[in-house]
Amino acid sequence: MKFLVMIYNDDALIEALPDGEYATLMRGCIRHADEMRESGKLVDSQMLAPPAQAVSLRTRGGRTTFMDGPFAEAKEYLGGFNLIEAADMDEAVRIAQEFPWSRTGRIEVRPVADFEAVRKHFDA
C-alpha cells in the first residue's frame, strides 16, 4: 500500500532550535530518505517552497479568484511530503516516526486511494 507522509512545519519551532540543529536534522533526514529509497520503501519525496510563494485559486459561480500565498493563515504549513510503501497503517506510522519533523511541526500519514479503482468506479 502507498501512504503519503505529509510534513507540516512551524517556523517558530524551527527558529527556536539551537544553532546548527536544523542543518543536522536535514542531513539526517536526507540520509534516512536515501536509505528508504534504496530499500524500496520511499517512492518519492519533495520539499515545498514556503507558503508565501504559493497562489491559491477558487472558482465560484463561474468566476475564478486568485490569492497570493496560502488561503488560510495557519501556524503550521505543508512543507514537504514523502510517498512511501508500507504493508499497513501501523508500518506507515512507524516509518513516519523515524523522521524528526514531529519536533518542529506535525506529521500526517494518510493512505493513498487506489486511483485505478476510482477510475473504474466512474467509468473514466
N, C-alpha and C. Protein backbone atom coordinates (compact mmCIF):
# COMPACT_ATOMS: atom_id res chain seq x y z
N MET A 1 0.83 -1.18 0.00
CA MET A 1 0.00 0.00 0.00
C MET A 1 0.88 1.24 0.00
N LYS A 2 0.36 2.29 -0.61
CA LYS A 2 1.07 3.57 -0.60
C LYS A 2 0.45 4.48 0.45
N PHE A 3 1.31 5.24 1.11
CA PHE A 3 0.88 6.21 2.10
C PHE A 3 1.61 7.52 1.83
N LEU A 4 0.90 8.63 2.03
CA LEU A 4 1.52 9.94 1.91
C LEU A 4 1.85 10.43 3.32
N VAL A 5 3.11 10.71 3.56
CA VAL A 5 3.58 11.24 4.84
C VAL A 5 3.81 12.73 4.62
N MET A 6 2.90 13.54 5.17
CA MET A 6 2.97 14.99 4.96
C MET A 6 3.65 15.65 6.15
N ILE A 7 4.60 16.50 5.86
CA ILE A 7 5.39 17.19 6.87
C ILE A 7 4.87 18.62 7.00
N TYR A 8 4.35 18.96 8.17
CA TYR A 8 3.88 20.31 8.44
C TYR A 8 4.89 21.01 9.34
N ASN A 9 5.31 22.19 8.94
CA ASN A 9 6.34 22.95 9.66
C ASN A 9 5.72 24.06 10.49
N ASP A 10 6.37 24.36 11.59
CA ASP A 10 6.04 25.52 12.42
C ASP A 10 7.33 26.33 12.50
N ASP A 11 7.38 27.46 11.78
CA ASP A 11 8.61 28.25 11.72
C ASP A 11 9.11 28.68 13.09
N ALA A 12 8.19 28.96 14.01
CA ALA A 12 8.61 29.39 15.35
C ALA A 12 9.41 28.28 16.04
N LEU A 13 8.99 27.03 15.88
CA LEU A 13 9.72 25.92 16.49
C LEU A 13 11.04 25.67 15.77
N ILE A 14 11.06 25.83 14.46
CA ILE A 14 12.31 25.66 13.71
C ILE A 14 13.31 26.74 14.12
N GLU A 15 12.84 27.98 14.21
CA GLU A 15 13.73 29.09 14.58
C GLU A 15 14.22 28.98 16.02
N ALA A 16 13.50 28.25 16.86
CA ALA A 16 13.89 28.10 18.27
C ALA A 16 14.94 27.00 18.46
N LEU A 17 15.23 26.23 17.41
CA LEU A 17 16.25 25.19 17.52
C LEU A 17 17.62 25.82 17.79
N PRO A 18 18.46 25.12 18.52
CA PRO A 18 19.83 25.63 18.73
C PRO A 18 20.56 25.78 17.38
N ASP A 19 21.54 26.68 17.34
CA ASP A 19 22.31 26.90 16.12
C ASP A 19 22.84 25.57 15.57
N GLY A 20 22.64 25.37 14.29
CA GLY A 20 23.14 24.18 13.62
C GLY A 20 22.23 22.97 13.71
N GLU A 21 21.25 22.98 14.59
CA GLU A 21 20.39 21.82 14.78
C GLU A 21 19.52 21.53 13.55
N TYR A 22 19.00 22.58 12.91
CA TYR A 22 18.19 22.37 11.71
C TYR A 22 19.01 21.70 10.61
N ALA A 23 20.24 22.15 10.42
CA ALA A 23 21.11 21.55 9.41
C ALA A 23 21.39 20.08 9.75
N THR A 24 21.59 19.79 11.02
CA THR A 24 21.82 18.41 11.45
C THR A 24 20.59 17.56 11.17
N LEU A 25 19.41 18.09 11.48
CA LEU A 25 18.17 17.36 11.23
C LEU A 25 17.98 17.11 9.73
N MET A 26 18.26 18.13 8.91
CA MET A 26 18.10 17.98 7.47
C MET A 26 19.05 16.92 6.91
N ARG A 27 20.31 16.96 7.33
CA ARG A 27 21.27 15.97 6.85
C ARG A 27 20.83 14.55 7.23
N GLY A 28 20.37 14.39 8.46
CA GLY A 28 19.90 13.08 8.91
C GLY A 28 18.67 12.63 8.14
N CYS A 29 17.78 13.56 7.88
CA CYS A 29 16.57 13.25 7.13
C CYS A 29 16.91 12.84 5.70
N ILE A 30 17.81 13.53 5.08
CA ILE A 30 18.22 13.21 3.71
C ILE A 30 18.88 11.83 3.66
N ARG A 31 19.75 11.55 4.63
CA ARG A 31 20.39 10.21 4.70
C ARG A 31 19.32 9.13 4.87
N HIS A 32 18.37 9.39 5.77
CA HIS A 32 17.30 8.42 6.03
C HIS A 32 16.47 8.19 4.76
N ALA A 33 16.14 9.27 4.06
CA ALA A 33 15.37 9.15 2.81
C ALA A 33 16.14 8.34 1.78
N ASP A 34 17.44 8.57 1.68
CA ASP A 34 18.26 7.80 0.73
C ASP A 34 18.22 6.31 1.07
N GLU A 35 18.32 5.99 2.35
CA GLU A 35 18.27 4.59 2.78
C GLU A 35 16.91 3.97 2.47
N MET A 36 15.84 4.73 2.73
CA MET A 36 14.49 4.23 2.45
C MET A 36 14.29 4.02 0.95
N ARG A 37 14.82 4.95 0.15
CA ARG A 37 14.70 4.82 -1.31
C ARG A 37 15.41 3.55 -1.78
N GLU A 38 16.62 3.31 -1.24
CA GLU A 38 17.38 2.12 -1.62
C GLU A 38 16.67 0.83 -1.22
N SER A 39 15.94 0.86 -0.10
CA SER A 39 15.23 -0.35 0.37
C SER A 39 13.88 -0.53 -0.31
N GLY A 40 13.46 0.46 -1.12
CA GLY A 40 12.18 0.37 -1.81
C GLY A 40 10.99 0.89 -1.02
N LYS A 41 11.22 1.42 0.17
CA LYS A 41 10.13 1.95 0.99
C LYS A 41 9.72 3.36 0.59
N LEU A 42 10.64 4.13 0.05
CA LEU A 42 10.36 5.51 -0.34
C LEU A 42 10.17 5.59 -1.84
N VAL A 43 8.97 5.98 -2.27
CA VAL A 43 8.65 6.11 -3.69
C VAL A 43 9.10 7.47 -4.20
N ASP A 44 8.78 8.53 -3.45
CA ASP A 44 9.15 9.89 -3.85
C ASP A 44 9.12 10.78 -2.63
N SER A 45 9.88 11.87 -2.66
CA SER A 45 9.83 12.87 -1.60
C SER A 45 10.19 14.22 -2.21
N GLN A 46 9.55 15.25 -1.71
CA GLN A 46 9.80 16.60 -2.19
C GLN A 46 9.64 17.58 -1.04
N MET A 47 10.43 18.62 -1.08
CA MET A 47 10.30 19.73 -0.15
C MET A 47 9.58 20.84 -0.91
N LEU A 48 8.62 21.50 -0.26
CA LEU A 48 7.85 22.55 -0.92
C LEU A 48 8.42 23.92 -0.61
N ALA A 49 8.23 24.86 -1.53
CA ALA A 49 8.61 26.26 -1.30
C ALA A 49 7.73 26.82 -0.18
N PRO A 50 8.15 27.90 0.46
CA PRO A 50 7.36 28.49 1.55
C PRO A 50 5.97 28.93 1.06
N PRO A 51 4.99 28.95 1.98
CA PRO A 51 3.63 29.35 1.63
C PRO A 51 3.54 30.72 0.97
N ALA A 52 4.45 31.62 1.29
CA ALA A 52 4.41 32.97 0.71
C ALA A 52 4.60 32.93 -0.81
N GLN A 53 5.15 31.84 -1.34
CA GLN A 53 5.35 31.71 -2.78
C GLN A 53 4.18 31.01 -3.47
N ALA A 54 3.15 30.66 -2.71
CA ALA A 54 2.01 29.93 -3.26
C ALA A 54 0.97 30.88 -3.86
N VAL A 55 0.17 30.35 -4.74
CA VAL A 55 -1.01 31.04 -5.26
C VAL A 55 -2.18 30.09 -5.05
N SER A 56 -3.24 30.59 -4.44
CA SER A 56 -4.45 29.81 -4.25
C SER A 56 -5.51 30.31 -5.21
N LEU A 57 -6.34 29.40 -5.68
CA LEU A 57 -7.43 29.83 -6.55
C LEU A 57 -8.72 29.15 -6.12
N ARG A 58 -9.81 29.82 -6.41
CA ARG A 58 -11.13 29.33 -6.06
C ARG A 58 -12.09 29.77 -7.15
N THR A 59 -12.95 28.85 -7.59
CA THR A 59 -13.96 29.18 -8.59
C THR A 59 -15.34 29.02 -7.96
N ARG A 60 -16.11 30.09 -8.02
CA ARG A 60 -17.48 30.10 -7.50
C ARG A 60 -18.34 30.84 -8.50
N GLY A 61 -19.47 30.27 -8.83
CA GLY A 61 -20.38 30.93 -9.76
C GLY A 61 -19.74 31.25 -11.10
N GLY A 62 -18.83 30.38 -11.55
CA GLY A 62 -18.18 30.59 -12.84
C GLY A 62 -17.07 31.62 -12.83
N ARG A 63 -16.76 32.18 -11.66
CA ARG A 63 -15.72 33.21 -11.55
C ARG A 63 -14.57 32.67 -10.70
N THR A 64 -13.36 32.78 -11.23
CA THR A 64 -12.18 32.31 -10.51
C THR A 64 -11.46 33.49 -9.90
N THR A 65 -11.14 33.37 -8.63
CA THR A 65 -10.35 34.39 -7.94
C THR A 65 -9.02 33.76 -7.55
N PHE A 66 -7.99 34.58 -7.54
CA PHE A 66 -6.64 34.14 -7.21
C PHE A 66 -6.15 34.93 -6.00
N MET A 67 -5.46 34.24 -5.11
CA MET A 67 -4.91 34.88 -3.92
C MET A 67 -3.44 34.51 -3.79
N ASP A 68 -2.59 35.46 -3.49
CA ASP A 68 -1.19 35.16 -3.23
C ASP A 68 -1.08 34.48 -1.88
N GLY A 69 -0.14 33.57 -1.78
CA GLY A 69 0.11 32.90 -0.51
C GLY A 69 -0.95 31.87 -0.19
N PRO A 70 -0.86 31.33 1.00
CA PRO A 70 -1.81 30.29 1.39
C PRO A 70 -3.19 30.90 1.62
N PHE A 71 -4.21 30.08 1.44
CA PHE A 71 -5.58 30.57 1.64
C PHE A 71 -5.84 30.84 3.12
N ALA A 72 -5.43 29.91 3.97
CA ALA A 72 -5.71 30.04 5.40
C ALA A 72 -4.44 30.42 6.15
N GLU A 73 -4.58 31.31 7.09
CA GLU A 73 -3.46 31.61 7.97
C GLU A 73 -3.35 30.46 8.96
N ALA A 74 -2.20 29.87 9.06
CA ALA A 74 -2.02 28.74 9.95
C ALA A 74 -0.64 28.80 10.58
N LYS A 75 -0.55 28.30 11.79
CA LYS A 75 0.73 28.24 12.47
C LYS A 75 1.64 27.23 11.76
N GLU A 76 1.05 26.11 11.35
CA GLU A 76 1.80 25.08 10.63
C GLU A 76 1.40 25.09 9.16
N TYR A 77 2.34 24.75 8.31
CA TYR A 77 2.06 24.71 6.87
C TYR A 77 2.74 23.48 6.27
N LEU A 78 2.18 23.01 5.17
CA LEU A 78 2.73 21.85 4.49
C LEU A 78 4.09 22.21 3.90
N GLY A 79 5.12 21.56 4.39
CA GLY A 79 6.48 21.88 3.95
C GLY A 79 7.09 20.84 3.02
N GLY A 80 6.49 19.66 2.98
CA GLY A 80 7.02 18.63 2.12
C GLY A 80 6.25 17.34 2.31
N PHE A 81 6.62 16.34 1.51
CA PHE A 81 5.93 15.06 1.61
C PHE A 81 6.86 13.92 1.23
N ASN A 82 6.49 12.75 1.68
CA ASN A 82 7.16 11.50 1.32
C ASN A 82 6.08 10.52 0.92
N LEU A 83 6.19 9.95 -0.26
CA LEU A 83 5.28 8.90 -0.69
C LEU A 83 5.98 7.58 -0.40
N ILE A 84 5.38 6.79 0.49
CA ILE A 84 6.05 5.56 0.94
C ILE A 84 5.21 4.33 0.61
N GLU A 85 5.88 3.18 0.64
CA GLU A 85 5.24 1.88 0.54
C GLU A 85 5.29 1.26 1.92
N ALA A 86 4.15 0.76 2.39
CA ALA A 86 4.09 0.10 3.69
C ALA A 86 3.00 -0.97 3.64
N ALA A 87 3.13 -1.97 4.47
CA ALA A 87 2.16 -3.06 4.49
C ALA A 87 0.80 -2.59 4.99
N ASP A 88 0.80 -1.67 5.96
CA ASP A 88 -0.44 -1.19 6.55
C ASP A 88 -0.18 0.13 7.27
N MET A 89 -1.22 0.69 7.87
CA MET A 89 -1.09 1.98 8.56
C MET A 89 -0.10 1.91 9.71
N ASP A 90 -0.08 0.80 10.43
CA ASP A 90 0.86 0.67 11.55
C ASP A 90 2.31 0.82 11.07
N GLU A 91 2.65 0.13 9.98
CA GLU A 91 4.01 0.25 9.46
C GLU A 91 4.27 1.65 8.95
N ALA A 92 3.28 2.26 8.29
CA ALA A 92 3.45 3.62 7.76
C ALA A 92 3.71 4.60 8.90
N VAL A 93 3.01 4.45 10.01
CA VAL A 93 3.22 5.34 11.16
C VAL A 93 4.60 5.10 11.77
N ARG A 94 5.02 3.85 11.84
CA ARG A 94 6.39 3.57 12.35
C ARG A 94 7.44 4.25 11.48
N ILE A 95 7.24 4.18 10.16
CA ILE A 95 8.17 4.84 9.24
C ILE A 95 8.16 6.35 9.46
N ALA A 96 6.97 6.91 9.60
CA ALA A 96 6.85 8.36 9.81
C ALA A 96 7.53 8.80 11.10
N GLN A 97 7.51 7.98 12.12
CA GLN A 97 8.15 8.33 13.39
C GLN A 97 9.66 8.44 13.27
N GLU A 98 10.23 7.87 12.22
CA GLU A 98 11.68 7.94 12.03
C GLU A 98 12.12 9.31 11.51
N PHE A 99 11.18 10.10 11.00
CA PHE A 99 11.50 11.46 10.55
C PHE A 99 11.46 12.39 11.76
N PRO A 100 12.35 13.38 11.84
CA PRO A 100 12.43 14.23 13.03
C PRO A 100 11.40 15.35 13.09
N TRP A 101 10.58 15.50 12.07
CA TRP A 101 9.80 16.74 11.92
C TRP A 101 8.60 16.86 12.84
N SER A 102 8.26 15.83 13.57
CA SER A 102 7.18 16.00 14.56
C SER A 102 7.65 16.91 15.69
N ARG A 103 8.97 17.12 15.80
CA ARG A 103 9.53 18.05 16.80
C ARG A 103 9.33 19.50 16.42
N THR A 104 9.22 19.79 15.13
CA THR A 104 9.14 21.19 14.67
C THR A 104 7.85 21.43 13.90
N GLY A 105 6.86 20.63 14.15
CA GLY A 105 5.57 20.79 13.47
C GLY A 105 4.73 19.56 13.69
N ARG A 106 4.33 18.93 12.60
CA ARG A 106 3.42 17.79 12.70
C ARG A 106 3.63 16.92 11.46
N ILE A 107 3.41 15.64 11.63
CA ILE A 107 3.48 14.70 10.51
C ILE A 107 2.11 14.02 10.39
N GLU A 108 1.55 14.07 9.20
CA GLU A 108 0.28 13.41 8.94
C GLU A 108 0.54 12.24 7.99
N VAL A 109 -0.04 11.09 8.30
CA VAL A 109 0.08 9.90 7.47
C VAL A 109 -1.31 9.58 6.94
N ARG A 110 -1.42 9.47 5.62
CA ARG A 110 -2.72 9.21 5.01
C ARG A 110 -2.58 8.19 3.89
N PRO A 111 -3.46 7.17 3.88
CA PRO A 111 -3.41 6.20 2.78
C PRO A 111 -3.71 6.90 1.45
N VAL A 112 -3.04 6.43 0.41
CA VAL A 112 -3.30 6.92 -0.94
C VAL A 112 -4.40 6.05 -1.54
N ALA A 113 -5.44 6.69 -2.07
CA ALA A 113 -6.54 5.95 -2.68
C ALA A 113 -6.06 5.23 -3.94
N ASP A 114 -6.64 4.10 -4.21
CA ASP A 114 -6.35 3.34 -5.43
C ASP A 114 -7.06 4.05 -6.58
N PHE A 115 -6.32 4.87 -7.32
CA PHE A 115 -6.95 5.70 -8.35
C PHE A 115 -7.49 4.86 -9.51
N GLU A 116 -6.90 3.72 -9.76
CA GLU A 116 -7.44 2.86 -10.81
C GLU A 116 -8.83 2.36 -10.42
N ALA A 117 -9.05 2.10 -9.13
CA ALA A 117 -10.39 1.71 -8.65
C ALA A 117 -11.36 2.88 -8.80
N VAL A 118 -10.89 4.10 -8.53
CA VAL A 118 -11.73 5.30 -8.70
C VAL A 118 -12.09 5.46 -10.17
N ARG A 119 -11.11 5.33 -11.04
CA ARG A 119 -11.33 5.43 -12.47
C ARG A 119 -12.39 4.42 -12.92
N LYS A 120 -12.26 3.19 -12.45
CA LYS A 120 -13.20 2.14 -12.81
C LYS A 120 -14.60 2.46 -12.29
N HIS A 121 -14.69 2.93 -11.04
CA HIS A 121 -15.97 3.27 -10.43
C HIS A 121 -16.72 4.33 -11.26
N PHE A 122 -15.99 5.31 -11.78
CA PHE A 122 -16.60 6.38 -12.55
C PHE A 122 -16.57 6.12 -14.06
N ASP A 123 -16.14 4.92 -14.43
CA ASP A 123 -16.08 4.53 -15.83
C ASP A 123 -15.36 5.58 -16.67
N ALA A 124 -14.20 5.99 -16.17
CA ALA A 124 -13.44 7.06 -16.83
C ALA A 124 -12.14 6.55 -17.40
